């Protein structure tokens, strides 16, 4: 399940939480700086994902604050083992992604 969708318009800009976002084939998420090829170093910058469970585990283990926006990833999931998706194609809503 997707719990958060986030984009940043520029390097270091705050992450903006969205209810929905347009995925641009071969580019990334509309409005995110990595949708612009000038900012994207490789295909694995197009859309980034992280598990909410890992964020929560970090907080419990370290006692430090880590909100979903702080890791600067676009898609935050719950109940999805993202490592198992590396090397595979999978869908998030109507969008097909490839785990790199």
N, C-alpha and C. Protein backbone atom coordinates (compact mmCIF):
# COMPACT_ATOMS: atom_id res chain seq x y z
N UNK A 1 0.84 -1.17 0.00
CA UNK A 1 0.00 0.00 0.00
C UNK A 1 0.89 1.24 0.00
N UNK A 2 0.53 2.24 -0.78
CA UNK A 2 1.23 3.52 -0.80
C UNK A 2 0.65 4.39 0.31
N UNK A 3 1.51 4.91 1.18
CA UNK A 3 1.05 5.77 2.27
C UNK A 3 1.33 7.25 2.01
N UNK A 4 2.37 7.54 1.23
CA UNK A 4 2.74 8.92 0.93
C UNK A 4 3.27 9.02 -0.50
N UNK A 5 2.94 10.12 -1.17
CA UNK A 5 3.53 10.50 -2.45
C UNK A 5 4.19 11.85 -2.24
N UNK A 6 5.46 11.96 -2.60
CA UNK A 6 6.21 13.18 -2.32
C UNK A 6 7.04 13.60 -3.53
N UNK A 7 7.14 14.91 -3.74
CA UNK A 7 8.04 15.43 -4.77
C UNK A 7 8.79 16.63 -4.19
N UNK A 8 9.92 16.95 -4.81
CA UNK A 8 10.66 18.17 -4.49
C UNK A 8 10.95 18.87 -5.81
N UNK A 9 10.67 20.14 -5.88
CA UNK A 9 10.82 20.89 -7.13
C UNK A 9 12.27 21.24 -7.44
N UNK A 10 13.13 21.25 -6.42
CA UNK A 10 14.53 21.61 -6.61
C UNK A 10 15.38 20.93 -5.54
N UNK A 11 16.68 20.88 -5.77
CA UNK A 11 17.60 20.29 -4.80
C UNK A 11 17.48 21.03 -3.47
N UNK A 12 17.27 20.27 -2.41
CA UNK A 12 17.14 20.85 -1.08
C UNK A 12 15.79 21.46 -0.77
N UNK A 13 14.91 21.54 -1.77
CA UNK A 13 13.57 22.08 -1.53
C UNK A 13 12.79 21.12 -0.64
N UNK A 14 11.88 21.65 0.16
CA UNK A 14 11.07 20.76 0.99
C UNK A 14 10.29 19.78 0.12
N UNK A 15 10.10 18.58 0.65
CA UNK A 15 9.28 17.60 -0.04
C UNK A 15 7.82 18.02 0.11
N UNK A 16 7.08 17.95 -0.98
CA UNK A 16 5.66 18.29 -0.99
C UNK A 16 4.86 17.01 -1.04
N UNK A 17 3.93 16.85 -0.12
CA UNK A 17 3.07 15.68 -0.07
C UNK A 17 1.88 15.89 -1.00
N UNK A 18 1.58 14.87 -1.81
CA UNK A 18 0.49 14.95 -2.77
C UNK A 18 -0.48 13.79 -2.58
N UNK A 19 -1.74 13.99 -2.98
CA UNK A 19 -2.72 12.90 -2.96
C UNK A 19 -2.59 12.04 -4.20
N UNK A 20 -2.14 12.65 -5.29
CA UNK A 20 -1.89 11.93 -6.53
C UNK A 20 -0.85 12.72 -7.32
N UNK A 21 -0.21 12.03 -8.25
CA UNK A 21 0.80 12.68 -9.08
C UNK A 21 0.85 11.95 -10.42
N UNK A 22 1.14 12.68 -11.48
CA UNK A 22 1.25 12.07 -12.80
C UNK A 22 2.64 11.50 -12.98
N UNK A 23 2.70 10.24 -13.37
CA UNK A 23 3.97 9.59 -13.70
C UNK A 23 4.24 9.83 -15.19
N UNK A 24 5.45 10.26 -15.51
CA UNK A 24 5.85 10.55 -16.88
C UNK A 24 6.78 9.44 -17.35
N UNK A 25 6.38 8.70 -18.36
CA UNK A 25 7.15 7.54 -18.83
C UNK A 25 8.59 7.92 -19.14
N UNK A 26 9.52 7.18 -18.55
CA UNK A 26 10.94 7.39 -18.80
C UNK A 26 11.51 8.65 -18.17
N UNK A 27 10.71 9.35 -17.34
CA UNK A 27 11.17 10.61 -16.76
C UNK A 27 11.08 10.64 -15.24
N UNK A 28 9.93 10.34 -14.70
CA UNK A 28 9.73 10.43 -13.26
C UNK A 28 8.35 10.97 -12.95
N UNK A 29 8.24 11.71 -11.87
CA UNK A 29 6.95 12.24 -11.43
C UNK A 29 6.84 13.71 -11.78
N UNK A 30 5.71 14.09 -12.33
CA UNK A 30 5.47 15.47 -12.72
C UNK A 30 5.70 16.41 -11.54
N UNK A 31 6.50 17.44 -11.77
CA UNK A 31 6.77 18.42 -10.73
C UNK A 31 8.00 18.11 -9.90
N UNK A 32 8.49 16.87 -9.96
CA UNK A 32 9.69 16.50 -9.21
C UNK A 32 10.92 16.89 -10.02
N UNK A 33 11.96 17.33 -9.33
CA UNK A 33 13.14 17.82 -10.05
C UNK A 33 13.77 16.74 -10.92
N UNK A 34 13.67 15.47 -10.53
CA UNK A 34 14.29 14.42 -11.32
C UNK A 34 13.52 14.08 -12.59
N UNK A 35 12.34 14.64 -12.79
CA UNK A 35 11.64 14.49 -14.06
C UNK A 35 12.36 15.27 -15.15
N UNK A 36 13.19 16.23 -14.75
CA UNK A 36 14.00 17.01 -15.68
C UNK A 36 15.31 16.26 -15.92
N UNK A 37 15.62 15.87 -17.17
CA UNK A 37 16.83 15.09 -17.45
C UNK A 37 18.12 15.77 -16.97
N UNK A 38 18.13 17.08 -16.87
CA UNK A 38 19.33 17.79 -16.42
C UNK A 38 19.67 17.45 -14.97
N UNK A 39 18.70 17.02 -14.19
CA UNK A 39 18.91 16.69 -12.77
C UNK A 39 19.05 15.19 -12.52
N UNK A 40 18.73 14.38 -13.51
CA UNK A 40 18.69 12.93 -13.34
C UNK A 40 20.00 12.32 -13.83
N UNK A 41 20.73 11.69 -12.93
CA UNK A 41 22.02 11.08 -13.28
C UNK A 41 21.87 9.73 -13.95
N UNK A 42 20.81 9.01 -13.63
CA UNK A 42 20.58 7.68 -14.19
C UNK A 42 19.11 7.32 -14.00
N UNK A 43 18.65 6.23 -14.64
CA UNK A 43 17.22 5.86 -14.53
C UNK A 43 16.75 5.63 -13.09
N UNK A 44 17.65 5.23 -12.19
CA UNK A 44 17.19 4.96 -10.82
C UNK A 44 16.87 6.23 -10.04
N UNK A 45 16.96 7.38 -10.67
CA UNK A 45 16.55 8.64 -10.04
C UNK A 45 15.12 9.02 -10.41
N UNK A 46 14.50 8.31 -11.35
CA UNK A 46 13.18 8.71 -11.84
C UNK A 46 12.13 8.70 -10.75
N UNK A 47 12.02 7.59 -10.03
CA UNK A 47 11.07 7.44 -8.92
C UNK A 47 11.77 6.61 -7.85
N UNK A 48 11.74 7.09 -6.62
CA UNK A 48 12.38 6.35 -5.53
C UNK A 48 11.34 5.94 -4.51
N UNK A 49 11.55 4.76 -3.91
CA UNK A 49 10.60 4.22 -2.95
C UNK A 49 11.32 3.84 -1.66
N UNK A 50 10.59 3.85 -0.54
CA UNK A 50 11.10 3.40 0.74
C UNK A 50 9.92 2.85 1.55
N UNK A 51 10.22 1.86 2.37
CA UNK A 51 9.19 1.25 3.22
C UNK A 51 9.00 2.07 4.49
N UNK A 52 7.76 2.38 4.83
CA UNK A 52 7.45 3.09 6.07
C UNK A 52 7.95 2.30 7.28
N UNK A 53 7.93 0.98 7.18
CA UNK A 53 8.42 0.14 8.28
C UNK A 53 9.90 0.42 8.57
N UNK A 54 10.69 0.70 7.53
CA UNK A 54 12.10 1.02 7.75
C UNK A 54 12.28 2.36 8.42
N UNK A 55 11.45 3.32 8.07
CA UNK A 55 11.50 4.63 8.73
C UNK A 55 11.15 4.46 10.20
N UNK A 56 10.08 3.73 10.48
CA UNK A 56 9.65 3.51 11.86
C UNK A 56 10.70 2.75 12.66
N UNK A 57 11.32 1.76 12.05
CA UNK A 57 12.36 0.97 12.72
C UNK A 57 13.56 1.85 13.08
N UNK A 58 13.93 2.74 12.17
CA UNK A 58 15.03 3.66 12.44
C UNK A 58 14.73 4.51 13.67
N UNK A 59 13.51 5.02 13.75
CA UNK A 59 13.12 5.86 14.89
C UNK A 59 13.19 5.07 16.19
N UNK A 60 12.67 3.86 16.19
CA UNK A 60 12.67 3.02 17.39
C UNK A 60 14.11 2.66 17.79
N UNK A 61 14.93 2.30 16.82
CA UNK A 61 16.30 1.85 17.09
C UNK A 61 17.20 2.98 17.56
N UNK A 62 17.06 4.15 16.95
CA UNK A 62 17.99 5.25 17.25
C UNK A 62 17.44 6.27 18.23
N UNK A 63 16.12 6.36 18.33
CA UNK A 63 15.52 7.40 19.16
C UNK A 63 15.53 8.76 18.48
N UNK A 64 15.96 8.79 17.23
CA UNK A 64 16.01 10.04 16.47
C UNK A 64 14.71 10.25 15.71
N UNK A 65 14.45 11.48 15.32
CA UNK A 65 13.26 11.81 14.55
C UNK A 65 13.54 11.53 13.07
N UNK A 66 12.62 10.85 12.42
CA UNK A 66 12.68 10.64 10.98
C UNK A 66 11.23 10.58 10.49
N UNK A 67 10.80 11.62 9.81
CA UNK A 67 9.45 11.66 9.25
C UNK A 67 9.48 11.09 7.84
N UNK A 68 8.35 10.72 7.28
CA UNK A 68 8.34 10.17 5.93
C UNK A 68 8.97 11.07 4.87
N UNK A 69 8.94 12.38 5.08
CA UNK A 69 9.51 13.31 4.12
C UNK A 69 11.04 13.35 4.18
N UNK A 70 11.62 13.04 5.31
CA UNK A 70 13.05 13.23 5.52
C UNK A 70 13.98 12.35 4.67
N UNK A 71 13.65 11.12 4.35
CA UNK A 71 14.55 10.34 3.48
C UNK A 71 14.56 10.82 2.03
N UNK A 72 13.64 11.74 1.69
CA UNK A 72 13.58 12.33 0.35
C UNK A 72 13.32 11.29 -0.74
N UNK A 73 12.38 10.41 -0.47
CA UNK A 73 11.94 9.42 -1.45
C UNK A 73 10.55 9.81 -1.93
N UNK A 74 10.19 9.39 -3.16
CA UNK A 74 8.91 9.79 -3.75
C UNK A 74 7.72 8.99 -3.26
N UNK A 75 7.91 7.69 -3.09
CA UNK A 75 6.79 6.81 -2.75
C UNK A 75 7.12 6.08 -1.46
N UNK A 76 6.27 6.26 -0.46
CA UNK A 76 6.43 5.57 0.82
C UNK A 76 5.37 4.47 0.85
N UNK A 77 5.81 3.24 1.14
CA UNK A 77 4.89 2.11 1.14
C UNK A 77 4.78 1.50 2.54
N UNK A 78 3.74 0.73 2.73
CA UNK A 78 3.57 -0.08 3.94
C UNK A 78 3.15 -1.47 3.50
N UNK A 79 3.80 -2.48 4.07
CA UNK A 79 3.43 -3.85 3.77
C UNK A 79 3.97 -4.37 2.44
N UNK A 80 4.98 -3.71 1.91
CA UNK A 80 5.58 -4.13 0.64
C UNK A 80 7.08 -4.33 0.86
N UNK A 81 7.58 -5.51 0.56
CA UNK A 81 9.01 -5.77 0.67
C UNK A 81 9.65 -5.29 -0.64
N UNK A 82 10.18 -4.06 -0.61
CA UNK A 82 10.71 -3.45 -1.83
C UNK A 82 11.95 -4.16 -2.35
N UNK A 83 12.77 -4.72 -1.48
CA UNK A 83 13.97 -5.43 -1.95
C UNK A 83 13.61 -6.59 -2.86
N UNK A 84 12.47 -7.21 -2.65
CA UNK A 84 12.04 -8.34 -3.51
C UNK A 84 11.65 -7.88 -4.91
N UNK A 85 11.48 -6.58 -5.09
CA UNK A 85 11.08 -6.05 -6.40
C UNK A 85 12.27 -5.64 -7.26
N UNK A 86 13.47 -5.70 -6.72
CA UNK A 86 14.66 -5.36 -7.50
C UNK A 86 14.81 -6.38 -8.63
N UNK A 87 14.99 -5.86 -9.84
CA UNK A 87 15.12 -6.72 -11.01
C UNK A 87 13.80 -7.16 -11.61
N UNK A 88 12.70 -6.66 -11.07
CA UNK A 88 11.37 -7.05 -11.55
C UNK A 88 10.57 -5.82 -11.95
N UNK A 89 9.60 -6.02 -12.82
CA UNK A 89 8.62 -4.99 -13.13
C UNK A 89 7.43 -5.18 -12.19
N UNK A 90 6.86 -4.09 -11.73
CA UNK A 90 5.72 -4.13 -10.82
C UNK A 90 4.88 -2.88 -11.03
N UNK A 91 3.67 -2.89 -10.50
CA UNK A 91 2.80 -1.74 -10.69
C UNK A 91 2.55 -1.02 -9.37
N UNK A 92 2.43 0.28 -9.49
CA UNK A 92 1.98 1.15 -8.40
C UNK A 92 0.80 1.91 -9.00
N UNK A 93 -0.40 1.55 -8.58
CA UNK A 93 -1.58 2.09 -9.25
C UNK A 93 -1.54 1.67 -10.70
N UNK A 94 -1.77 2.61 -11.63
CA UNK A 94 -1.76 2.25 -13.05
C UNK A 94 -0.37 2.31 -13.71
N UNK A 95 0.66 2.56 -12.91
CA UNK A 95 2.00 2.79 -13.45
C UNK A 95 2.88 1.53 -13.27
N UNK A 96 3.57 1.15 -14.33
CA UNK A 96 4.51 0.04 -14.26
C UNK A 96 5.91 0.60 -14.01
N UNK A 97 6.57 0.08 -12.98
CA UNK A 97 7.93 0.47 -12.62
C UNK A 97 8.84 -0.74 -12.72
N UNK A 98 10.12 -0.49 -12.82
CA UNK A 98 11.13 -1.55 -12.79
C UNK A 98 12.03 -1.31 -11.60
N UNK A 99 12.17 -2.31 -10.72
CA UNK A 99 13.02 -2.18 -9.55
C UNK A 99 14.49 -2.24 -9.95
N UNK A 100 15.21 -1.18 -9.68
CA UNK A 100 16.64 -1.11 -9.99
C UNK A 100 17.45 -1.09 -8.71
